[in-house]
Amino acid sequence: MEHLIRVHNDYDRQVLAWLRARIGDAALQSAATRLADARKPYLSTICRSLGIRPPSRRAFARESARKSARAHRAVGDLYLARIRAILASPAGAQH
């Protein structure tokens, strides 16, 4: 979609991904084509024309932190399971 819409930074990429998930590629492409004059439209212009307000940078940061915390917890749980397996084995009890 970046070939149709101006994307300048990570926040723009997050908003674009959010819009694609929310309204779909076809609707987004239609809006971008309708709003394009000689240049690609900004994401803010597309959102305004659709009557949609994207999440704030802070909301994206919170979601990212939650995903990161879930990933860290999954890795920690995996390591704990391995440690427990080692300690439960007869060879692990001798150490």
C-alpha atoms as a PDB file:
ATOM      1  CA  MET A   1       0.000   0.000   0.000  1.00  0.00           C
ATOM      2  CA  GLU A   2       2.960   2.313   0.460  1.00  0.00           C
ATOM      3  CA  HIS A   3       2.986   2.849  -3.300  1.00  0.00           C
ATOM      4  CA  LEU A   4      -0.423   4.569  -2.950  1.00  0.00           C
ATOM      5  CA  ILE A   5      -0.089   6.359   0.398  1.00  0.00           C
ATOM      6  CA  ARG A   6       2.566   8.573   1.985  1.00  0.00           C
ATOM      7  CA  VAL A   7       4.313   6.696   4.774  1.00  0.00           C
ATOM      8  CA  HIS A   8       7.030   8.653   6.562  1.00  0.00           C
ATOM      9  CA  ASN A   9       7.777   6.840   9.822  1.00  0.00           C
ATOM     10  CA  ASP A  10       7.032   3.848  12.054  1.00  0.00           C
ATOM     11  CA  TYR A  11       3.846   5.388  13.386  1.00  0.00           C
ATOM     12  CA  ASP A  12       2.574   5.757   9.806  1.00  0.00           C
ATOM     13  CA  ARG A  13       3.412   2.090   9.182  1.00  0.00           C
ATOM     14  CA  GLN A  14       1.511   1.082  12.315  1.00  0.00           C
ATOM     15  CA  VAL A  15      -1.508   3.170  11.313  1.00  0.00           C
ATOM     16  CA  LEU A  16      -1.401   1.701   7.816  1.00  0.00           C
ATOM     17  CA  ALA A  17      -1.340  -1.858   9.189  1.00  0.00           C
ATOM     18  CA  TRP A  18      -4.155  -0.968  11.592  1.00  0.00           C
ATOM     19  CA  LEU A  19      -6.249   0.521   8.771  1.00  0.00           C
ATOM     20  CA  ARG A  20      -5.648  -2.495   6.552  1.00  0.00           C
ATOM     21  CA  ALA A  21      -6.852  -4.800   9.333  1.00  0.00           C
ATOM     22  CA  ARG A  22      -9.812  -2.572  10.142  1.00  0.00           C
ATOM     23  CA  ILE A  23     -11.254  -1.713   6.710  1.00  0.00           C
ATOM     24  CA  GLY A  24      -9.394  -4.021   4.317  1.00  0.00           C
ATOM     25  CA  ASP A  25      -7.096  -3.439   1.387  1.00  0.00           C
ATOM     26  CA  ALA A  26      -9.819  -2.839  -1.187  1.00  0.00           C
ATOM     27  CA  ALA A  27     -11.478  -0.015   0.772  1.00  0.00           C
ATOM     28  CA  LEU A  28      -8.119   1.530   1.604  1.00  0.00           C
ATOM     29  CA  GLN A  29      -6.995   1.391  -2.011  1.00  0.00           C
ATOM     30  CA  SER A  30     -10.280   2.934  -3.140  1.00  0.00           C
ATOM     31  CA  ALA A  31      -9.939   5.798  -0.643  1.00  0.00           C
ATOM     32  CA  ALA A  32      -6.301   6.405  -1.589  1.00  0.00           C
ATOM     33  CA  THR A  33      -7.143   6.453  -5.293  1.00  0.00           C
ATOM     34  CA  ARG A  34     -10.091   8.785  -4.744  1.00  0.00           C
ATOM     35  CA  LEU A  35      -7.990  11.240  -2.709  1.00  0.00           C
ATOM     36  CA  ALA A  36      -4.868  11.145  -4.866  1.00  0.00           C
ATOM     37  CA  ASP A  37      -4.327  14.195  -7.000  1.00  0.00           C
ATOM     38  CA  ALA A  38      -0.847  14.690  -8.424  1.00  0.00           C
ATOM     39  CA  ARG A  39       0.698  13.224  -5.268  1.00  0.00           C
ATOM     40  CA  LYS A  40       0.034  10.378  -2.857  1.00  0.00           C
ATOM     41  CA  PRO A  41      -2.328  11.277  -0.008  1.00  0.00           C
ATOM     42  CA  TYR A  42      -1.258  11.362   3.627  1.00  0.00           C
ATOM     43  CA  LEU A  43      -2.652   8.752   6.002  1.00  0.00           C
ATOM     44  CA  SER A  44      -4.264  11.487   8.077  1.00  0.00           C
ATOM     45  CA  THR A  45      -6.181  12.672   5.016  1.00  0.00           C
ATOM     46  CA  ILE A  46      -7.427   9.156   4.322  1.00  0.00           C
ATOM     47  CA  CYS A  47      -8.485   8.674   7.943  1.00  0.00           C
ATOM     48  CA  ARG A  48     -10.353  11.992   7.968  1.00  0.00           C
ATOM     49  CA  SER A  49     -12.144  11.168   4.724  1.00  0.00           C
ATOM     50  CA  LEU A  50     -13.253   7.825   6.158  1.00  0.00           C
ATOM     51  CA  GLY A  51     -14.278   9.327   9.492  1.00  0.00           C
ATOM     52  CA  ILE A  52     -11.822   7.104  11.346  1.00  0.00           C
ATOM     53  CA  ARG A  53      -9.511   8.211  14.126  1.00  0.00           C
ATOM     54  CA  PRO A  54      -6.414   5.998  14.396  1.00  0.00           C
ATOM     55  CA  PRO A  55      -4.972   4.933  17.750  1.00  0.00           C
ATOM     56  CA  SER A  56      -2.425   7.257  19.321  1.00  0.00           C
ATOM     57  CA  ARG A  57       1.295   6.602  19.350  1.00  0.00           C
ATOM     58  CA  ARG A  58       0.929   5.780  23.037  1.00  0.00           C
ATOM     59  CA  ALA A  59      -1.712   3.129  22.312  1.00  0.00           C
ATOM     60  CA  PHE A  60       0.552   1.458  19.760  1.00  0.00           C
ATOM     61  CA  ALA A  61       3.436   1.583  22.273  1.00  0.00           C
ATOM     62  CA  ARG A  62       1.284  -0.064  24.973  1.00  0.00           C
ATOM     63  CA  GLU A  63       0.227  -2.833  22.594  1.00  0.00           C
ATOM     64  CA  SER A  64       3.822  -3.404  21.568  1.00  0.00           C
ATOM     65  CA  ALA A  65       4.885  -3.615  25.221  1.00  0.00           C
ATOM     66  CA  ARG A  66       2.140  -6.161  25.923  1.00  0.00           C
ATOM     67  CA  LYS A  67       3.241  -8.329  23.006  1.00  0.00           C
ATOM     68  CA  SER A  68       6.844  -8.104  24.157  1.00  0.00           C
ATOM     69  CA  ALA A  69       5.886  -9.062  27.721  1.00  0.00           C
ATOM     70  CA  ARG A  70       3.944 -12.097  26.443  1.00  0.00           C
ATOM     71  CA  ALA A  71       6.954 -13.187  24.376  1.00  0.00           C
ATOM     72  CA  HIS A  72       9.316 -12.794  27.342  1.00  0.00           C
ATOM     73  CA  ARG A  73       6.969 -14.768  29.556  1.00  0.00           C
ATOM     74  CA  ALA A  74       6.716 -17.571  26.985  1.00  0.00           C
ATOM     75  CA  VAL A  75      10.514 -17.814  26.790  1.00  0.00           C
ATOM     76  CA  GLY A  76      10.773 -17.813  30.583  1.00  0.00           C
ATOM     77  CA  ASP A  77       8.151 -20.563  30.864  1.00  0.00           C
ATOM     78  CA  LEU A  78      10.068 -22.640  28.328  1.00  0.00           C
ATOM     79  CA  TYR A  79      13.322 -22.305  30.279  1.00  0.00           C
ATOM     80  CA  LEU A  80      11.588 -23.153  33.563  1.00  0.00           C
ATOM     81  CA  ALA A  81      10.096 -26.287  31.982  1.00  0.00           C
ATOM     82  CA  ARG A  82      13.570 -27.352  30.806  1.00  0.00           C
ATOM     83  CA  ILE A  83      15.078 -26.727  34.246  1.00  0.00           C
ATOM     84  CA  ARG A  84      12.312 -28.738  35.912  1.00  0.00           C
ATOM     85  CA  ALA A  85      12.847 -31.602  33.445  1.00  0.00           C
ATOM     86  CA  ILE A  86      16.568 -31.625  34.156  1.00  0.00           C
ATOM     87  CA  LEU A  87      16.012 -31.595  37.908  1.00  0.00           C
ATOM     88  CA  ALA A  88      13.404 -34.338  37.669  1.00  0.00           C
ATOM     89  CA  SER A  89      15.666 -36.679  35.709  1.00  0.00           C
ATOM     90  CA  PRO A  90      17.917 -39.109  37.638  1.00  0.00           C
ATOM     91  CA  ALA A  91      21.057 -37.543  36.133  1.00  0.00           C
ATOM     92  CA  GLY A  92      19.899 -34.075  37.156  1.00  0.00           C
ATOM     93  CA  ALA A  93      19.413 -35.179  40.757  1.00  0.00           C
ATOM     94  CA  GLN A  94      23.076 -36.200  41.039  1.00  0.00           C
ATOM     95  CA  HIS A  95      24.395 -32.719  40.272  1.00  0.00           C
END
